[in-house]
C-alpha atoms as a PDB file:
ATOM      1  CA  UNK A   1     -90.168  12.367  13.278  1.00  0.00           C
ATOM      2  CA  UNK A   2     -88.442   8.979  13.070  1.00  0.00           C
ATOM      3  CA  UNK A   3     -84.794   9.808  13.722  1.00  0.00           C
ATOM      4  CA  UNK A   4     -83.743   6.342  12.541  1.00  0.00           C
ATOM      5  CA  UNK A   5     -84.861   7.225   8.993  1.00  0.00           C
ATOM      6  CA  UNK A   6     -82.431  10.136   8.920  1.00  0.00           C
ATOM      7  CA  UNK A   7     -79.227   8.355   9.866  1.00  0.00           C
ATOM      8  CA  UNK A   8     -77.097   5.762   8.147  1.00  0.00           C
ATOM      9  CA  UNK A   9     -77.259   2.132   9.271  1.00  0.00           C
ATOM     10  CA  UNK A  10     -74.971   1.460  12.229  1.00  0.00           C
ATOM     11  CA  UNK A  11     -74.540   5.183  12.908  1.00  0.00           C
ATOM     12  CA  UNK A  12     -74.358   4.508  16.649  1.00  0.00           C
ATOM     13  CA  UNK A  13     -71.551   2.001  16.126  1.00  0.00           C
ATOM     14  CA  UNK A  14     -69.696   4.420  13.866  1.00  0.00           C
ATOM     15  CA  UNK A  15     -69.904   7.080  16.570  1.00  0.00           C
ATOM     16  CA  UNK A  16     -68.867   4.684  19.359  1.00  0.00           C
ATOM     17  CA  UNK A  17     -65.852   3.168  17.592  1.00  0.00           C
ATOM     18  CA  UNK A  18     -64.681   6.482  16.208  1.00  0.00           C
ATOM     19  CA  UNK A  19     -64.765   8.362  19.514  1.00  0.00           C
ATOM     20  CA  UNK A  20     -63.179   8.002  22.963  1.00  0.00           C
ATOM     21  CA  UNK A  21     -64.602   4.528  23.740  1.00  0.00           C
ATOM     22  CA  UNK A  22     -63.229   3.179  20.468  1.00  0.00           C
ATOM     23  CA  UNK A  23     -59.886   4.877  21.011  1.00  0.00           C
ATOM     24  CA  UNK A  24     -59.517   2.960  24.273  1.00  0.00           C
ATOM     25  CA  UNK A  25     -59.122  -0.167  22.174  1.00  0.00           C
ATOM     26  CA  UNK A  26     -56.138   1.507  20.531  1.00  0.00           C
ATOM     27  CA  UNK A  27     -54.674   2.438  23.908  1.00  0.00           C
ATOM     28  CA  UNK A  28     -55.079  -1.124  25.205  1.00  0.00           C
ATOM     29  CA  UNK A  29     -54.130  -2.904  21.979  1.00  0.00           C
ATOM     30  CA  UNK A  30     -51.038  -4.691  23.338  1.00  0.00           C
ATOM     31  CA  UNK A  31     -52.619  -6.395  26.386  1.00  0.00           C
ATOM     32  CA  UNK A  32     -55.729  -7.225  24.351  1.00  0.00           C
ATOM     33  CA  UNK A  33     -53.624  -8.900  21.655  1.00  0.00           C
ATOM     34  CA  UNK A  34     -51.907 -10.938  24.347  1.00  0.00           C
ATOM     35  CA  UNK A  35     -55.185 -11.859  26.052  1.00  0.00           C
ATOM     36  CA  UNK A  36     -56.816 -12.962  22.779  1.00  0.00           C
ATOM     37  CA  UNK A  37     -53.864 -14.898  21.318  1.00  0.00           C
ATOM     38  CA  UNK A  38     -55.646 -18.166  22.070  1.00  0.00           C
ATOM     39  CA  UNK A  39     -58.769 -16.916  20.260  1.00  0.00           C
ATOM     40  CA  UNK A  40     -56.682 -16.185  17.181  1.00  0.00           C
ATOM     41  CA  UNK A  41     -55.217 -19.686  17.318  1.00  0.00           C
ATOM     42  CA  UNK A  42     -58.681 -21.275  17.409  1.00  0.00           C
ATOM     43  CA  UNK A  43     -59.969 -19.075  14.586  1.00  0.00           C
ATOM     44  CA  UNK A  44     -56.989 -19.820  12.342  1.00  0.00           C
ATOM     45  CA  UNK A  45     -57.279 -23.542  12.959  1.00  0.00           C
ATOM     46  CA  UNK A  46     -60.969 -23.595  12.059  1.00  0.00           C
ATOM     47  CA  UNK A  47     -60.758 -21.137   9.150  1.00  0.00           C
ATOM     48  CA  UNK A  48     -57.703 -22.867   7.605  1.00  0.00           C
ATOM     49  CA  UNK A  49     -56.505 -19.979   5.410  1.00  0.00           C
ATOM     50  CA  UNK A  50     -54.349 -21.422   2.649  1.00  0.00           C
ATOM     51  CA  UNK A  51     -51.516 -20.243   0.448  1.00  0.00           C
ATOM     52  CA  UNK A  52     -52.724 -17.901  -2.291  1.00  0.00           C
ATOM     53  CA  UNK A  53     -56.246 -17.401  -0.960  1.00  0.00           C
ATOM     54  CA  UNK A  54     -58.093 -14.102  -0.876  1.00  0.00           C
ATOM     55  CA  UNK A  55     -59.555 -13.324   2.545  1.00  0.00           C
ATOM     56  CA  UNK A  56     -62.169 -10.778   3.602  1.00  0.00           C
ATOM     57  CA  UNK A  57     -61.757  -9.962   7.292  1.00  0.00           C
ATOM     58  CA  UNK A  58     -64.556  -8.089   9.056  1.00  0.00           C
ATOM     59  CA  UNK A  59     -63.859  -5.979  12.137  1.00  0.00           C
ATOM     60  CA  UNK A  60     -60.095  -6.177  11.811  1.00  0.00           C
ATOM     61  CA  UNK A  61     -59.457  -3.779  14.693  1.00  0.00           C
ATOM     62  CA  UNK A  62     -55.781  -3.032  15.276  1.00  0.00           C
ATOM     63  CA  UNK A  63     -54.700  -5.825  12.957  1.00  0.00           C
ATOM     64  CA  UNK A  64     -53.545  -8.788  15.062  1.00  0.00           C
ATOM     65  CA  UNK A  65     -55.801 -11.275  13.266  1.00  0.00           C
ATOM     66  CA  UNK A  66     -55.107  -9.597   9.929  1.00  0.00           C
ATOM     67  CA  UNK A  67     -51.388 -10.181  10.235  1.00  0.00           C
ATOM     68  CA  UNK A  68     -51.901 -13.823  11.201  1.00  0.00           C
ATOM     69  CA  UNK A  69     -54.185 -14.378   8.196  1.00  0.00           C
ATOM     70  CA  UNK A  70     -51.749 -12.655   5.839  1.00  0.00           C
ATOM     71  CA  UNK A  71     -48.883 -14.862   7.036  1.00  0.00           C
ATOM     72  CA  UNK A  72     -50.932 -17.927   6.082  1.00  0.00           C
ATOM     73  CA  UNK A  73     -51.945 -16.815   2.565  1.00  0.00           C
ATOM     74  CA  UNK A  74     -48.713 -15.205   1.350  1.00  0.00           C
ATOM     75  CA  UNK A  75     -47.152 -15.256  -1.130  1.00  0.00           C
ATOM     76  CA  UNK A  76     -49.849 -14.832  -3.708  1.00  0.00           C
ATOM     77  CA  UNK A  77     -52.726 -14.359  -1.270  1.00  0.00           C
ATOM     78  CA  UNK A  78     -54.358 -11.209  -0.004  1.00  0.00           C
ATOM     79  CA  UNK A  79     -56.351  -9.959   3.006  1.00  0.00           C
ATOM     80  CA  UNK A  80     -58.930  -7.202   2.601  1.00  0.00           C
ATOM     81  CA  UNK A  81     -59.349  -6.032   6.207  1.00  0.00           C
ATOM     82  CA  UNK A  82     -62.412  -3.903   6.955  1.00  0.00           C
ATOM     83  CA  UNK A  83     -63.393  -1.970  10.057  1.00  0.00           C
ATOM     84  CA  UNK A  84     -65.747   0.892  10.891  1.00  0.00           C
ATOM     85  CA  UNK A  85     -63.266   2.485  13.330  1.00  0.00           C
ATOM     86  CA  UNK A  86     -60.821   4.993  11.880  1.00  0.00           C
ATOM     87  CA  UNK A  87     -58.666   5.061  15.062  1.00  0.00           C
ATOM     88  CA  UNK A  88     -58.234   1.286  15.048  1.00  0.00           C
ATOM     89  CA  UNK A  89     -57.480   1.243  11.317  1.00  0.00           C
ATOM     90  CA  UNK A  90     -54.825   3.915  11.778  1.00  0.00           C
ATOM     91  CA  UNK A  91     -53.208   1.760  14.470  1.00  0.00           C
ATOM     92  CA  UNK A  92     -53.368  -1.315  12.249  1.00  0.00           C
ATOM     93  CA  UNK A  93     -51.708   0.471   9.328  1.00  0.00           C
ATOM     94  CA  UNK A  94     -49.043   1.912  11.632  1.00  0.00           C
ATOM     95  CA  UNK A  95     -48.042  -1.489  12.988  1.00  0.00           C
ATOM     96  CA  UNK A  96     -48.224  -3.555   9.802  1.00  0.00           C
ATOM     97  CA  UNK A  97     -45.002  -5.569   9.412  1.00  0.00           C
ATOM     98  CA  UNK A  98     -43.190  -4.446   6.249  1.00  0.00           C
ATOM     99  CA  UNK A  99     -43.047  -7.977   4.826  1.00  0.00           C
ATOM    100  CA  UNK A 100     -46.872  -8.174   4.962  1.00  0.00           C
ATOM    101  CA  UNK A 101     -47.680  -4.743   3.541  1.00  0.00           C
ATOM    102  CA  UNK A 102     -48.189  -5.996  -0.031  1.00  0.00           C
ATOM    103  CA  UNK A 103     -50.549  -8.733   1.167  1.00  0.00           C
ATOM    104  CA  UNK A 104     -52.979  -6.500   3.107  1.00  0.00           C
ATOM    105  CA  UNK A 105     -55.389  -3.700   2.278  1.00  0.00           C
ATOM    106  CA  UNK A 106     -57.142  -1.936   5.157  1.00  0.00           C
ATOM    107  CA  UNK A 107     -60.434  -0.206   4.366  1.00  0.00           C
ATOM    108  CA  UNK A 108     -62.786   1.887   6.495  1.00  0.00           C
ATOM    109  CA  UNK A 109     -66.111   0.287   5.681  1.00  0.00           C
ATOM    110  CA  UNK A 110     -69.454  -0.707   7.134  1.00  0.00           C
ATOM    111  CA  UNK A 111     -69.747  -4.331   5.993  1.00  0.00           C
ATOM    112  CA  UNK A 112     -73.547  -4.069   6.057  1.00  0.00           C
ATOM    113  CA  UNK A 113     -73.547  -1.641   3.135  1.00  0.00           C
ATOM    114  CA  UNK A 114     -70.064  -1.557   1.550  1.00  0.00           C
ATOM    115  CA  UNK A 115     -69.837  -2.552  -2.109  1.00  0.00           C
ATOM    116  CA  UNK A 116     -67.391  -5.449  -1.938  1.00  0.00           C
ATOM    117  CA  UNK A 117     -66.293  -6.902  -5.272  1.00  0.00           C
ATOM    118  CA  UNK A 118     -68.664  -9.793  -6.010  1.00  0.00           C
ATOM    119  CA  UNK A 119     -67.309 -13.360  -6.112  1.00  0.00           C
ATOM    120  CA  UNK A 120     -63.814 -12.177  -5.179  1.00  0.00           C
ATOM    121  CA  UNK A 121     -63.164 -13.980  -1.886  1.00  0.00           C
ATOM    122  CA  UNK A 122     -62.214 -17.501  -0.779  1.00  0.00           C
ATOM    123  CA  UNK A 123     -62.629 -16.982   2.972  1.00  0.00           C
ATOM    124  CA  UNK A 124     -64.697 -14.648   5.146  1.00  0.00           C
ATOM    125  CA  UNK A 125     -63.184 -14.436   8.631  1.00  0.00           C
ATOM    126  CA  UNK A 126     -63.713 -12.381  11.760  1.00  0.00           C
ATOM    127  CA  UNK A 127     -62.619 -12.324  15.377  1.00  0.00           C
ATOM    128  CA  UNK A 128     -65.329 -10.591  17.404  1.00  0.00           C
ATOM    129  CA  UNK A 129     -66.207  -8.254  14.526  1.00  0.00           C
ATOM    130  CA  UNK A 130     -69.667  -9.309  13.302  1.00  0.00           C
ATOM    131  CA  UNK A 131     -71.896  -8.854  16.372  1.00  0.00           C
ATOM    132  CA  UNK A 132     -72.520  -5.125  15.970  1.00  0.00           C
ATOM    133  CA  UNK A 133     -74.781  -4.794  12.920  1.00  0.00           C
ATOM    134  CA  UNK A 134     -78.126  -3.040  13.115  1.00  0.00           C
ATOM    135  CA  UNK A 135     -79.448  -5.487  10.488  1.00  0.00           C
ATOM    136  CA  UNK A 136     -77.324  -8.658  10.622  1.00  0.00           C
ATOM    137  CA  UNK A 137     -79.252 -10.393   7.827  1.00  0.00           C
ATOM    138  CA  UNK A 138     -78.529  -7.481   5.493  1.00  0.00           C
ATOM    139  CA  UNK A 139     -74.894  -7.462   6.612  1.00  0.00           C
ATOM    140  CA  UNK A 140     -74.305 -11.176   6.088  1.00  0.00           C
ATOM    141  CA  UNK A 141     -76.178 -11.076   2.768  1.00  0.00           C
ATOM    142  CA  UNK A 142     -73.876  -8.277   1.647  1.00  0.00           C
ATOM    143  CA  UNK A 143     -70.747 -10.120   2.783  1.00  0.00           C
ATOM    144  CA  UNK A 144     -71.900 -13.370   1.151  1.00  0.00           C
ATOM    145  CA  UNK A 145     -72.065 -11.642  -2.224  1.00  0.00           C
ATOM    146  CA  UNK A 146     -68.299 -11.093  -1.997  1.00  0.00           C
ATOM    147  CA  UNK A 147     -67.688 -14.853  -1.741  1.00  0.00           C
ATOM    148  CA  UNK A 148     -66.957 -17.209  -4.583  1.00  0.00           C
ATOM    149  CA  UNK A 149     -69.131 -20.287  -4.987  1.00  0.00           C
ATOM    150  CA  UNK A 150     -68.215 -22.727  -2.217  1.00  0.00           C
ATOM    151  CA  UNK A 151     -66.148 -20.154  -0.318  1.00  0.00           C
ATOM    152  CA  UNK A 152     -65.891 -20.553   3.449  1.00  0.00           C
ATOM    153  CA  UNK A 153     -67.049 -18.385   6.328  1.00  0.00           C
ATOM    154  CA  UNK A 154     -65.534 -18.707   9.809  1.00  0.00           C
ATOM    155  CA  UNK A 155     -66.226 -16.163  12.542  1.00  0.00           C
ATOM    156  CA  UNK A 156     -65.580 -16.158  16.291  1.00  0.00           C
ATOM    157  CA  UNK A 157     -68.133 -14.674  18.679  1.00  0.00           C
ATOM    158  CA  UNK A 158     -68.662 -14.949  22.416  1.00  0.00           C
ATOM    159  CA  UNK A 159     -70.783 -17.724  23.903  1.00  0.00           C
ATOM    160  CA  UNK A 160     -73.269 -16.740  26.668  1.00  0.00           C
ATOM    161  CA  UNK A 161     -72.001 -14.315  29.271  1.00  0.00           C
ATOM    162  CA  UNK A 162     -72.460 -16.874  32.063  1.00  0.00           C
ATOM    163  CA  UNK A 163     -69.670 -18.938  30.442  1.00  0.00           C
ATOM    164  CA  UNK A 164     -67.341 -15.964  30.155  1.00  0.00           C
ATOM    165  CA  UNK A 165     -66.027 -14.434  33.390  1.00  0.00           C
ATOM    166  CA  UNK A 166     -64.165 -11.916  31.193  1.00  0.00           C
ATOM    167  CA  UNK A 167     -67.624 -10.334  30.839  1.00  0.00           C
ATOM    168  CA  UNK A 168     -69.690 -11.543  33.777  1.00  0.00           C
ATOM    169  CA  UNK A 169     -67.325 -10.425  36.542  1.00  0.00           C
ATOM    170  CA  UNK A 170     -66.810  -6.828  35.299  1.00  0.00           C
ATOM    171  CA  UNK A 171     -70.548  -6.576  34.632  1.00  0.00           C
ATOM    172  CA  UNK A 172     -71.445  -7.766  38.110  1.00  0.00           C
ATOM    173  CA  UNK A 173     -68.870  -5.522  39.802  1.00  0.00           C
ATOM    174  CA  UNK A 174     -70.182  -2.518  37.886  1.00  0.00           C
ATOM    175  CA  UNK A 175     -73.822  -3.349  38.655  1.00  0.00           C
ATOM    176  CA  UNK A 176     -73.008  -3.716  42.360  1.00  0.00           C
ATOM    177  CA  UNK A 177     -71.571  -0.194  42.344  1.00  0.00           C
ATOM    178  CA  UNK A 178     -73.826   1.607  39.847  1.00  0.00           C
ATOM    179  CA  UNK A 179     -77.056  -0.372  39.635  1.00  0.00           C
ATOM    180  CA  UNK A 180     -78.637  -1.973  36.590  1.00  0.00           C
ATOM    181  CA  UNK A 181     -78.459  -0.354  33.169  1.00  0.00           C
ATOM    182  CA  UNK A 182     -81.683   0.083  31.185  1.00  0.00           C
ATOM    183  CA  UNK A 183     -82.857  -3.263  29.804  1.00  0.00           C
ATOM    184  CA  UNK A 184     -81.766  -4.048  26.248  1.00  0.00           C
ATOM    185  CA  UNK A 185     -82.541  -6.861  23.831  1.00  0.00           C
ATOM    186  CA  UNK A 186     -80.088  -9.771  24.179  1.00  0.00           C
ATOM    187  CA  UNK A 187     -79.548  -9.599  20.410  1.00  0.00           C
ATOM    188  CA  UNK A 188     -78.981  -5.828  20.281  1.00  0.00           C
ATOM    189  CA  UNK A 189     -75.691  -4.894  18.594  1.00  0.00           C
ATOM    190  CA  UNK A 190     -72.892  -5.576  21.037  1.00  0.00           C
ATOM    191  CA  UNK A 191     -70.262  -8.131  22.039  1.00  0.00           C
ATOM    192  CA  UNK A 192     -72.792 -10.736  23.272  1.00  0.00           C
ATOM    193  CA  UNK A 193     -75.290 -10.408  20.404  1.00  0.00           C
ATOM    194  CA  UNK A 194     -74.241 -13.737  18.854  1.00  0.00           C
ATOM    195  CA  UNK A 195     -74.238 -15.764  22.073  1.00  0.00           C
ATOM    196  CA  UNK A 196     -77.489 -17.513  21.060  1.00  0.00           C
ATOM    197  CA  UNK A 197     -76.615 -20.211  18.538  1.00  0.00           C
ATOM    198  CA  UNK A 198     -80.144 -20.559  17.145  1.00  0.00           C
ATOM    199  CA  UNK A 199     -80.479 -16.838  16.527  1.00  0.00           C
ATOM    200  CA  UNK A 200     -77.274 -16.716  14.487  1.00  0.00           C
ATOM    201  CA  UNK A 201     -78.018 -19.885  12.545  1.00  0.00           C
ATOM    202  CA  UNK A 202     -81.273 -18.258  11.472  1.00  0.00           C
ATOM    203  CA  UNK A 203     -79.390 -15.163  10.301  1.00  0.00           C
ATOM    204  CA  UNK A 204     -76.990 -17.257   8.222  1.00  0.00           C
ATOM    205  CA  UNK A 205     -79.781 -19.233   6.585  1.00  0.00           C
ATOM    206  CA  UNK A 206     -81.764 -16.098   5.770  1.00  0.00           C
ATOM    207  CA  UNK A 207     -78.622 -14.454   4.361  1.00  0.00           C
ATOM    208  CA  UNK A 208     -78.183 -17.331   1.925  1.00  0.00           C
ATOM    209  CA  UNK A 209     -75.359 -19.349   3.494  1.00  0.00           C
ATOM    210  CA  UNK A 210     -75.280 -23.135   3.365  1.00  0.00           C
ATOM    211  CA  UNK A 211     -73.922 -25.840   5.685  1.00  0.00           C
ATOM    212  CA  UNK A 212     -73.955 -23.483   8.659  1.00  0.00           C
ATOM    213  CA  UNK A 213     -72.777 -24.842  11.998  1.00  0.00           C
ATOM    214  CA  UNK A 214     -71.812 -23.614  15.458  1.00  0.00           C
ATOM    215  CA  UNK A 215     -69.152 -25.107  17.700  1.00  0.00           C
ATOM    216  CA  UNK A 216     -68.958 -23.965  21.331  1.00  0.00           C
ATOM    217  CA  UNK A 217     -65.204 -23.916  21.891  1.00  0.00           C
ATOM    218  CA  UNK A 218     -63.383 -23.432  25.209  1.00  0.00           C
ATOM    219  CA  UNK A 219     -60.292 -21.249  25.173  1.00  0.00           C
ATOM    220  CA  UNK A 220     -58.027 -19.726  27.794  1.00  0.00           C
ATOM    221  CA  UNK A 221     -57.522 -15.957  27.849  1.00  0.00           C
ATOM    222  CA  UNK A 222     -54.058 -15.011  29.086  1.00  0.00           C
ATOM    223  CA  UNK A 223     -53.858 -11.264  29.681  1.00  0.00           C
ATOM    224  CA  UNK A 224     -50.455  -9.962  30.755  1.00  0.00           C
ATOM    225  CA  UNK A 225     -49.617  -8.907  34.298  1.00  0.00           C
ATOM    226  CA  UNK A 226     -51.433  -9.768  37.492  1.00  0.00           C
ATOM    227  CA  UNK A 227     -54.904  -9.161  38.957  1.00  0.00           C
ATOM    228  CA  UNK A 228     -54.331  -5.410  39.292  1.00  0.00           C
ATOM    229  CA  UNK A 229     -53.309  -5.106  35.626  1.00  0.00           C
ATOM    230  CA  UNK A 230     -56.270  -7.151  34.416  1.00  0.00           C
ATOM    231  CA  UNK A 231     -58.661  -5.150  36.613  1.00  0.00           C
ATOM    232  CA  UNK A 232     -57.328  -1.927  35.108  1.00  0.00           C
ATOM    233  CA  UNK A 233     -57.829  -3.319  31.588  1.00  0.00           C
ATOM    234  CA  UNK A 234     -61.372  -4.506  32.322  1.00  0.00           C
ATOM    235  CA  UNK A 235     -62.311  -1.141  33.816  1.00  0.00           C
ATOM    236  CA  UNK A 236     -61.446   0.488  30.492  1.00  0.00           C
ATOM    237  CA  UNK A 237     -62.706  -2.135  28.023  1.00  0.00           C
ATOM    238  CA  UNK A 238     -65.963  -4.078  28.095  1.00  0.00           C
ATOM    239  CA  UNK A 239     -69.120  -4.080  30.227  1.00  0.00           C
ATOM    240  CA  UNK A 240     -67.732  -2.126  33.189  1.00  0.00           C
ATOM    241  CA  UNK A 241     -66.668   0.676  30.869  1.00  0.00           C
ATOM    242  CA  UNK A 242     -70.009   0.601  29.045  1.00  0.00           C
ATOM    243  CA  UNK A 243     -71.966   0.774  32.313  1.00  0.00           C
ATOM    244  CA  UNK A 244     -69.803   3.626  33.580  1.00  0.00           C
ATOM    245  CA  UNK A 245     -70.616   5.496  30.360  1.00  0.00           C
ATOM    246  CA  UNK A 246     -74.333   4.638  30.373  1.00  0.00           C
ATOM    247  CA  UNK A 247     -74.894   5.494  34.038  1.00  0.00           C
ATOM    248  CA  UNK A 248     -72.518   8.473  34.315  1.00  0.00           C
ATOM    249  CA  UNK A 249     -70.239   6.778  36.800  1.00  0.00           C
ATOM    250  CA  UNK A 250     -67.863   8.996  38.756  1.00  0.00           C
ATOM    251  CA  UNK A 251     -64.094   8.526  39.181  1.00  0.00           C
ATOM    252  CA  UNK A 252     -64.864   7.233  42.669  1.00  0.00           C
ATOM    253  CA  UNK A 253     -67.218   4.655  41.161  1.00  0.00           C
ATOM    254  CA  UNK A 254     -64.480   3.589  38.779  1.00  0.00           C
ATOM    255  CA  UNK A 255     -62.031   3.149  41.629  1.00  0.00           C
ATOM    256  CA  UNK A 256     -64.515   1.048  43.608  1.00  0.00           C
ATOM    257  CA  UNK A 257     -65.228  -1.152  40.589  1.00  0.00           C
ATOM    258  CA  UNK A 258     -61.493  -1.555  40.033  1.00  0.00           C
ATOM    259  CA  UNK A 259     -60.929  -2.698  43.629  1.00  0.00           C
ATOM    260  CA  UNK A 260     -63.753  -5.218  43.388  1.00  0.00           C
ATOM    261  CA  UNK A 261     -62.449  -6.488  40.037  1.00  0.00           C
ATOM    262  CA  UNK A 262     -58.918  -6.892  41.338  1.00  0.00           C
ATOM    263  CA  UNK A 263     -60.198  -8.993  44.224  1.00  0.00           C
ATOM    264  CA  UNK A 264     -62.190 -11.223  41.857  1.00  0.00           C
ATOM    265  CA  UNK A 265     -59.310 -11.590  39.401  1.00  0.00           C
ATOM    266  CA  UNK A 266     -57.024 -13.152  42.018  1.00  0.00           C
ATOM    267  CA  UNK A 267     -58.919 -16.408  41.434  1.00  0.00           C
ATOM    268  CA  UNK A 268     -57.347 -16.647  37.972  1.00  0.00           C
ATOM    269  CA  UNK A 269     -53.706 -16.240  38.978  1.00  0.00           C
ATOM    270  CA  UNK A 270     -51.572 -19.216  37.933  1.00  0.00           C
ATOM    271  CA  UNK A 271     -48.862 -20.868  39.976  1.00  0.00           C
ATOM    272  CA  UNK A 272     -46.252 -19.106  37.866  1.00  0.00           C
ATOM    273  CA  UNK A 273     -47.760 -15.685  38.571  1.00  0.00           C
ATOM    274  CA  UNK A 274     -49.529 -15.223  35.235  1.00  0.00           C
ATOM    275  CA  UNK A 275     -53.237 -15.015  34.534  1.00  0.00           C
ATOM    276  CA  UNK A 276     -55.539 -17.559  32.873  1.00  0.00           C
ATOM    277  CA  UNK A 277     -59.232 -16.769  32.481  1.00  0.00           C
ATOM    278  CA  UNK A 278     -61.448 -19.506  31.005  1.00  0.00           C
ATOM    279  CA  UNK A 279     -63.715 -18.499  28.142  1.00  0.00           C
ATOM    280  CA  UNK A 280     -66.082 -20.101  25.652  1.00  0.00           C
ATOM    281  CA  UNK A 281     -66.434 -19.031  22.026  1.00  0.00           C
ATOM    282  CA  UNK A 282     -69.116 -19.649  19.452  1.00  0.00           C
ATOM    283  CA  UNK A 283     -67.302 -20.541  16.236  1.00  0.00           C
ATOM    284  CA  UNK A 284     -69.735 -20.196  13.336  1.00  0.00           C
ATOM    285  CA  UNK A 285     -68.859 -21.741   9.985  1.00  0.00           C
ATOM    286  CA  UNK A 286     -70.749 -21.826   6.709  1.00  0.00           C
ATOM    287  CA  UNK A 287     -70.277 -21.878   2.933  1.00  0.00           C
ATOM    288  CA  UNK A 288     -71.450 -19.713   0.086  1.00  0.00           C
ATOM    289  CA  UNK A 289     -73.769 -21.536  -2.336  1.00  0.00           C
END
């Protein structure tokens, strides 16, 4: 029996983001928002949301990007913010600033299959929310149908892992302690699935977008605290956490990974005592025909 025929698309992602691993993103929302503030700034600059526009945001998470988009389009504009994770959506609704409440609607939706209102949107935007689809062509085709003629798409994804110590160092520390995880396709749903520019450009063309482009953009991640705080965060979020889950790591393994991470993170301490970790994004832009 083919189990895949008996489950909804993206069922694994729904399970992941709705269970304990997804809830960790709620627990760590504040330091993650701080760390990714520079990513938001880049995305907003490139997306250029304007007064009165209607925005569809995919993978809104706990709402940091949603609120920034809503500030740009109000009054008169609106953000429809979609995510597959009920815990993250609950956090986003809880922390919505009162003055933005009328400009935002949060929906629990799989953007690969959800019936968005056709031709209703001026801007499709996402910060790290579009790399998790089982069928990305189907997902982007579905999202494109929500866009008006000439509407813009601007999404931020991670460039290759080798350019992002935020991922490579926790991965390497976890592998050194636990061993390699089972091999997976580099384009399998996950945070690095859109690191290959050519792969994504093909998806956008097949999904019917025009004038697609990719800009590899450096940005500085500035998580709060010092090396110990960042090590604790990266043990709970990202590749170290995923490897611990996949390989049944013990608490002792977690402690060893944390010590190794803390040592590596000292390289990113600034003269003022803060943390700056260089990163590279893939900013994909396109237009609806």
